[in-house]
């Protein structure tokens, strides 16, 4: 499972948890809930499409402990990009972006290869 964690200052970090540990670690991780996480590994962040600009990512392992926190904060910590900026092509293509909107139309599907794996990409209709 891949996800993004945010601390109380709004700093985001990519995190990953192997299927082996989802049952014991993942079920307490719910969207919007604050948790204490300890005993994890840190590895360099990388890849073609990064979820955050943080240099590192958190990797859950068998020793990782996730416990409840009393911290309360309703902040969403989104870095929203307006659609015109997205269309302008000026954003860094190596990072995923936060966008809120509504799909009004969906075009054809284009197949392309990334790291020798076939992926599908929806294109806008002309």
N, C-alpha and C. Protein backbone atom coordinates (compact mmCIF):
# COMPACT_ATOMS: atom_id res chain seq x y z
N UNK A 1 0.85 -1.16 0.00
CA UNK A 1 0.00 0.00 0.00
C UNK A 1 0.90 1.23 0.00
N UNK A 2 0.58 2.18 -0.83
CA UNK A 2 1.31 3.44 -0.92
C UNK A 2 0.40 4.55 -0.41
N UNK A 3 0.93 5.47 0.37
CA UNK A 3 0.12 6.56 0.88
C UNK A 3 1.02 7.73 1.24
N UNK A 4 0.40 8.86 1.55
CA UNK A 4 1.11 10.07 1.95
C UNK A 4 0.72 10.40 3.38
N UNK A 5 1.73 10.64 4.21
CA UNK A 5 1.52 11.05 5.60
C UNK A 5 1.88 12.53 5.73
N UNK A 6 1.20 13.21 6.64
CA UNK A 6 1.47 14.63 6.89
C UNK A 6 1.64 14.84 8.38
N UNK A 7 2.64 15.65 8.75
CA UNK A 7 2.80 15.96 10.18
C UNK A 7 2.04 17.24 10.52
N UNK A 8 2.10 17.66 11.78
CA UNK A 8 1.32 18.81 12.23
C UNK A 8 1.75 20.13 11.60
N UNK A 9 2.91 20.17 10.96
CA UNK A 9 3.36 21.39 10.29
C UNK A 9 2.96 21.41 8.82
N UNK A 10 2.37 20.32 8.33
CA UNK A 10 1.98 20.23 6.93
C UNK A 10 3.00 19.56 6.04
N UNK A 11 4.13 19.14 6.61
CA UNK A 11 5.17 18.45 5.83
C UNK A 11 4.67 17.07 5.42
N UNK A 12 4.70 16.80 4.12
CA UNK A 12 4.22 15.51 3.60
C UNK A 12 5.39 14.59 3.31
N UNK A 13 5.15 13.29 3.47
CA UNK A 13 6.16 12.29 3.15
C UNK A 13 5.46 11.05 2.59
N UNK A 14 6.06 10.47 1.58
CA UNK A 14 5.55 9.24 0.98
C UNK A 14 5.81 8.09 1.96
N UNK A 15 4.87 7.18 2.07
CA UNK A 15 5.04 6.00 2.93
C UNK A 15 4.56 4.77 2.18
N UNK A 16 5.14 3.64 2.53
CA UNK A 16 4.76 2.38 1.89
C UNK A 16 4.69 1.28 2.94
N UNK A 17 3.75 0.38 2.75
CA UNK A 17 3.57 -0.75 3.67
C UNK A 17 3.30 -1.99 2.84
N UNK A 18 4.14 -3.00 2.97
CA UNK A 18 3.96 -4.24 2.21
C UNK A 18 2.68 -4.94 2.64
N UNK A 19 2.14 -5.71 1.73
CA UNK A 19 0.91 -6.46 1.98
C UNK A 19 0.99 -7.29 3.26
N UNK A 20 2.18 -7.80 3.56
CA UNK A 20 2.40 -8.62 4.76
C UNK A 20 2.01 -7.89 6.04
N UNK A 21 2.20 -6.56 6.06
CA UNK A 21 1.97 -5.80 7.29
C UNK A 21 0.67 -5.00 7.28
N UNK A 22 -0.08 -5.04 6.19
CA UNK A 22 -1.31 -4.26 6.11
C UNK A 22 -2.30 -4.64 7.21
N UNK A 23 -2.46 -5.92 7.46
CA UNK A 23 -3.41 -6.38 8.48
C UNK A 23 -3.08 -5.78 9.84
N UNK A 24 -1.82 -5.80 10.23
CA UNK A 24 -1.45 -5.35 11.57
C UNK A 24 -1.21 -3.85 11.66
N UNK A 25 -0.75 -3.22 10.60
CA UNK A 25 -0.40 -1.79 10.65
C UNK A 25 -1.43 -0.91 9.95
N UNK A 26 -1.90 -1.36 8.81
CA UNK A 26 -2.73 -0.53 7.95
C UNK A 26 -4.13 -0.27 8.43
N UNK A 27 -4.71 -1.19 9.17
CA UNK A 27 -6.12 -1.00 9.52
C UNK A 27 -6.33 0.15 10.50
N UNK A 28 -5.32 0.55 11.25
CA UNK A 28 -5.46 1.68 12.17
C UNK A 28 -5.18 3.02 11.47
N UNK A 29 -4.63 2.96 10.26
CA UNK A 29 -4.36 4.17 9.49
C UNK A 29 -5.59 4.54 8.68
N UNK A 30 -6.35 5.51 9.17
CA UNK A 30 -7.56 5.95 8.47
C UNK A 30 -7.38 7.39 8.02
N UNK A 31 -8.00 7.73 6.92
CA UNK A 31 -7.88 9.08 6.35
C UNK A 31 -8.33 10.11 7.37
N UNK A 32 -7.51 11.12 7.58
CA UNK A 32 -7.84 12.22 8.48
C UNK A 32 -7.55 11.98 9.94
N UNK A 33 -7.16 10.76 10.31
CA UNK A 33 -6.88 10.45 11.71
C UNK A 33 -5.40 10.66 12.00
N UNK A 34 -5.10 11.21 13.16
CA UNK A 34 -3.71 11.43 13.57
C UNK A 34 -3.21 10.21 14.33
N UNK A 35 -1.99 9.79 14.02
CA UNK A 35 -1.41 8.61 14.64
C UNK A 35 0.06 8.86 14.98
N UNK A 36 0.55 8.13 15.96
CA UNK A 36 1.98 8.08 16.25
C UNK A 36 2.54 6.87 15.51
N UNK A 37 3.64 7.06 14.81
CA UNK A 37 4.27 5.96 14.08
C UNK A 37 5.73 5.93 14.49
N UNK A 38 6.21 4.76 14.90
CA UNK A 38 7.61 4.65 15.30
C UNK A 38 8.18 3.31 14.81
N UNK A 39 9.49 3.23 14.81
CA UNK A 39 10.22 2.02 14.38
C UNK A 39 9.95 1.68 12.91
N UNK A 40 10.32 2.58 12.04
CA UNK A 40 10.17 2.37 10.61
C UNK A 40 11.50 2.62 9.92
N UNK A 41 11.58 2.25 8.67
CA UNK A 41 12.79 2.51 7.89
C UNK A 41 12.61 3.78 7.07
N UNK A 42 13.72 4.40 6.74
CA UNK A 42 13.74 5.55 5.86
C UNK A 42 14.59 5.19 4.65
N UNK A 43 14.05 5.41 3.46
CA UNK A 43 14.82 5.16 2.23
C UNK A 43 14.68 6.38 1.33
N UNK A 44 15.61 6.56 0.40
CA UNK A 44 15.49 7.69 -0.53
C UNK A 44 14.20 7.60 -1.35
N UNK A 45 13.54 8.73 -1.52
CA UNK A 45 12.35 8.78 -2.36
C UNK A 45 12.80 8.85 -3.81
N UNK A 46 12.06 8.26 -4.68
CA UNK A 46 12.43 8.28 -6.10
C UNK A 46 11.30 7.75 -6.94
N UNK A 47 11.59 7.50 -8.18
CA UNK A 47 10.59 6.97 -9.09
C UNK A 47 10.17 8.00 -10.12
N UNK A 48 9.46 7.52 -11.12
CA UNK A 48 9.04 8.39 -12.22
C UNK A 48 7.98 9.39 -11.77
N UNK A 49 7.07 8.98 -10.88
CA UNK A 49 6.01 9.86 -10.40
C UNK A 49 6.04 9.88 -8.89
N UNK A 50 6.64 10.92 -8.31
CA UNK A 50 6.77 11.00 -6.86
C UNK A 50 5.53 11.63 -6.25
N UNK A 51 5.15 11.14 -5.07
CA UNK A 51 3.95 11.65 -4.41
C UNK A 51 4.21 12.94 -3.64
N UNK A 52 5.45 13.17 -3.21
CA UNK A 52 5.80 14.40 -2.48
C UNK A 52 7.19 14.84 -2.93
N UNK A 53 7.56 16.05 -2.52
CA UNK A 53 8.91 16.53 -2.85
C UNK A 53 9.91 16.22 -1.73
N UNK A 54 9.48 15.43 -0.75
CA UNK A 54 10.37 15.06 0.35
C UNK A 54 11.49 14.16 -0.18
N UNK A 55 12.69 14.34 0.34
CA UNK A 55 13.86 13.57 -0.08
C UNK A 55 13.75 12.10 0.29
N UNK A 56 13.04 11.80 1.36
CA UNK A 56 12.97 10.45 1.90
C UNK A 56 11.55 9.91 1.86
N UNK A 57 11.41 8.59 2.05
CA UNK A 57 10.10 7.99 2.24
C UNK A 57 10.17 7.03 3.42
N UNK A 58 9.03 6.82 4.05
CA UNK A 58 8.91 5.91 5.19
C UNK A 58 8.51 4.53 4.69
N UNK A 59 9.18 3.51 5.21
CA UNK A 59 8.84 2.12 4.86
C UNK A 59 8.46 1.40 6.16
N UNK A 60 7.22 0.94 6.22
CA UNK A 60 6.78 0.17 7.38
C UNK A 60 7.43 -1.20 7.35
N UNK A 61 7.78 -1.73 8.53
CA UNK A 61 8.34 -3.08 8.62
C UNK A 61 7.69 -3.81 9.79
N UNK A 62 8.18 -4.99 10.10
CA UNK A 62 7.54 -5.79 11.16
C UNK A 62 7.61 -5.13 12.53
N UNK A 63 8.57 -4.24 12.74
CA UNK A 63 8.72 -3.56 14.04
C UNK A 63 7.98 -2.24 14.13
N UNK A 64 7.37 -1.81 13.04
CA UNK A 64 6.67 -0.53 13.04
C UNK A 64 5.46 -0.59 13.95
N UNK A 65 5.34 0.41 14.80
CA UNK A 65 4.20 0.50 15.72
C UNK A 65 3.36 1.72 15.36
N UNK A 66 2.05 1.53 15.25
CA UNK A 66 1.11 2.61 14.96
C UNK A 66 0.13 2.67 16.12
N UNK A 67 0.07 3.84 16.78
CA UNK A 67 -0.84 3.99 17.91
C UNK A 67 -1.67 5.26 17.75
N UNK A 68 -2.77 5.32 18.44
CA UNK A 68 -3.68 6.47 18.35
C UNK A 68 -3.05 7.72 18.97
N UNK A 69 -3.50 8.86 18.47
CA UNK A 69 -3.05 10.15 18.98
C UNK A 69 -4.27 10.97 19.36
N UNK A 70 -4.13 11.82 20.35
CA UNK A 70 -5.21 12.71 20.75
C UNK A 70 -5.20 14.01 19.96
N UNK A 71 -4.20 14.18 19.11
CA UNK A 71 -4.08 15.41 18.31
C UNK A 71 -5.31 15.56 17.42
N UNK A 72 -5.86 16.76 17.35
CA UNK A 72 -7.02 17.03 16.50
C UNK A 72 -6.69 18.22 15.61
N UNK A 73 -6.88 18.04 14.32
CA UNK A 73 -6.65 19.11 13.35
C UNK A 73 -7.41 18.74 12.09
N UNK A 74 -8.28 19.62 11.63
CA UNK A 74 -9.10 19.34 10.45
C UNK A 74 -8.48 19.84 9.16
N UNK A 75 -7.27 20.37 9.23
CA UNK A 75 -6.59 20.87 8.03
C UNK A 75 -6.37 19.72 7.04
N UNK A 76 -6.62 19.97 5.75
CA UNK A 76 -6.45 18.93 4.74
C UNK A 76 -5.03 18.86 4.19
N UNK A 77 -4.26 19.93 4.33
CA UNK A 77 -2.88 19.97 3.86
C UNK A 77 -2.75 19.65 2.37
N UNK A 78 -3.66 20.17 1.58
CA UNK A 78 -3.56 20.02 0.14
C UNK A 78 -2.82 21.21 -0.45
N UNK A 79 -2.04 20.97 -1.48
CA UNK A 79 -1.39 22.04 -2.25
C UNK A 79 -2.07 22.07 -3.61
N UNK A 80 -3.24 22.68 -3.65
CA UNK A 80 -4.05 22.65 -4.86
C UNK A 80 -3.44 23.48 -5.98
N UNK A 81 -3.53 22.95 -7.18
CA UNK A 81 -3.09 23.65 -8.39
C UNK A 81 -4.32 23.94 -9.22
N UNK A 82 -4.45 25.19 -9.70
CA UNK A 82 -5.60 25.48 -10.54
C UNK A 82 -5.42 24.82 -11.90
N UNK A 83 -6.54 24.55 -12.56
CA UNK A 83 -6.51 23.75 -13.77
C UNK A 83 -5.73 24.44 -14.89
N UNK A 84 -5.78 25.76 -14.97
CA UNK A 84 -5.03 26.48 -16.01
C UNK A 84 -3.53 26.27 -15.85
N UNK A 85 -3.05 26.25 -14.61
CA UNK A 85 -1.63 26.00 -14.36
C UNK A 85 -1.27 24.58 -14.77
N UNK A 86 -2.15 23.63 -14.49
CA UNK A 86 -1.91 22.25 -14.90
C UNK A 86 -1.80 22.17 -16.42
N UNK A 87 -2.74 22.79 -17.11
CA UNK A 87 -2.75 22.76 -18.58
C UNK A 87 -1.56 23.50 -19.19
N UNK A 88 -1.03 24.49 -18.49
CA UNK A 88 0.09 25.27 -19.03
C UNK A 88 1.37 24.46 -19.17
N UNK A 89 1.47 23.36 -18.42
CA UNK A 89 2.66 22.52 -18.51
C UNK A 89 3.85 23.04 -17.74
N UNK A 90 3.64 24.01 -16.85
CA UNK A 90 4.75 24.60 -16.11
C UNK A 90 5.07 23.86 -14.81
N UNK A 91 4.20 22.94 -14.40
CA UNK A 91 4.46 22.19 -13.17
C UNK A 91 5.47 21.07 -13.42
N UNK A 92 6.19 20.71 -12.40
CA UNK A 92 7.19 19.64 -12.50
C UNK A 92 6.48 18.30 -12.73
N UNK A 93 6.74 17.67 -13.85
CA UNK A 93 6.06 16.43 -14.23
C UNK A 93 6.50 15.23 -13.39
N UNK A 94 7.53 15.37 -12.58
CA UNK A 94 8.00 14.27 -11.76
C UNK A 94 7.19 14.08 -10.48
N UNK A 95 6.33 15.05 -10.16
CA UNK A 95 5.57 15.00 -8.92
C UNK A 95 4.07 14.99 -9.20
N UNK A 96 3.34 14.17 -8.43
CA UNK A 96 1.89 14.19 -8.52
C UNK A 96 1.38 15.51 -7.94
N UNK A 97 0.24 15.98 -8.41
CA UNK A 97 -0.30 17.25 -7.94
C UNK A 97 -1.70 17.05 -7.36
N UNK A 98 -2.10 17.97 -6.49
CA UNK A 98 -3.43 17.94 -5.89
C UNK A 98 -4.36 18.79 -6.74
N UNK A 99 -5.45 18.19 -7.21
CA UNK A 99 -6.44 18.90 -8.01
C UNK A 99 -7.82 18.48 -7.53
N UNK A 100 -8.72 19.45 -7.38
CA UNK A 100 -10.12 19.16 -7.10
C UNK A 100 -10.92 19.61 -8.31
N UNK A 101 -11.86 18.81 -8.72
CA UNK A 101 -12.66 19.18 -9.88
C UNK A 101 -13.68 18.12 -10.19
N UNK A 102 -14.30 18.27 -11.34
CA UNK A 102 -15.34 17.35 -11.78
C UNK A 102 -15.03 16.92 -13.20
N UNK A 103 -15.10 15.63 -13.48
CA UNK A 103 -14.86 15.13 -14.83
C UNK A 103 -16.11 15.39 -15.65
N UNK A 104 -15.95 16.16 -16.74
CA UNK A 104 -17.07 16.46 -17.61
C UNK A 104 -17.04 15.62 -18.88
N UNK A 105 -15.86 15.16 -19.26
CA UNK A 105 -15.72 14.36 -20.47
C UNK A 105 -14.48 13.50 -20.33
N UNK A 106 -14.48 12.36 -20.96
CA UNK A 106 -13.33 11.48 -20.92
C UNK A 106 -13.09 10.95 -22.32
N UNK A 107 -11.87 11.08 -22.80
CA UNK A 107 -11.56 10.69 -24.17
C UNK A 107 -11.07 9.27 -24.28
N UNK A 108 -10.40 8.99 -25.39
CA UNK A 108 -9.87 7.66 -25.67
C UNK A 108 -8.75 7.31 -24.71
N UNK A 109 -8.41 6.03 -24.68
CA UNK A 109 -7.33 5.55 -23.84
C UNK A 109 -6.11 5.30 -24.70
N UNK A 110 -4.98 5.84 -24.28
CA UNK A 110 -3.71 5.65 -24.98
C UNK A 110 -2.85 4.73 -24.14
N UNK A 111 -2.26 3.72 -24.76
CA UNK A 111 -1.36 2.82 -24.03
C UNK A 111 0.07 3.28 -24.25
N UNK A 112 0.85 3.29 -23.17
CA UNK A 112 2.25 3.66 -23.26
C UNK A 112 3.05 2.81 -22.28
N UNK A 113 4.33 2.75 -22.49
CA UNK A 113 5.19 1.90 -21.67
C UNK A 113 6.05 2.74 -20.75
N UNK A 114 6.02 2.41 -19.46
CA UNK A 114 6.87 3.06 -18.45
C UNK A 114 7.63 1.95 -17.75
N UNK A 115 8.93 1.99 -17.85
CA UNK A 115 9.77 0.95 -17.24
C UNK A 115 9.31 -0.45 -17.64
N UNK A 116 9.06 -0.61 -18.93
CA UNK A 116 8.69 -1.90 -19.54
C UNK A 116 7.35 -2.45 -19.05
N UNK A 117 6.53 -1.63 -18.43
CA UNK A 117 5.20 -2.05 -18.02
C UNK A 117 4.18 -1.27 -18.84
N UNK A 118 3.14 -1.94 -19.32
CA UNK A 118 2.10 -1.25 -20.07
C UNK A 118 1.18 -0.51 -19.11
N UNK A 119 0.92 0.73 -19.42
CA UNK A 119 0.03 1.56 -18.63
C UNK A 119 -0.98 2.20 -19.57
N UNK A 120 -2.11 2.61 -19.04
CA UNK A 120 -3.11 3.28 -19.84
C UNK A 120 -3.26 4.70 -19.36
N UNK A 121 -3.52 5.60 -20.32
CA UNK A 121 -3.66 7.02 -20.00
C UNK A 121 -4.87 7.54 -20.75
N UNK A 122 -5.81 8.18 -20.04
CA UNK A 122 -6.97 8.76 -20.69
C UNK A 122 -6.58 10.08 -21.34
N UNK A 123 -7.05 10.30 -22.54
CA UNK A 123 -6.78 11.53 -23.27
C UNK A 123 -8.07 12.32 -23.41
N UNK A 124 -7.96 13.64 -23.45
CA UNK A 124 -9.14 14.47 -23.67
C UNK A 124 -9.65 14.27 -25.08
N UNK A 125 -10.95 14.32 -25.26
CA UNK A 125 -11.54 14.25 -26.60
C UNK A 125 -11.24 15.54 -27.33
N UNK A 126 -11.03 15.47 -28.66
CA UNK A 126 -10.77 16.70 -29.42
C UNK A 126 -11.97 17.60 -29.47
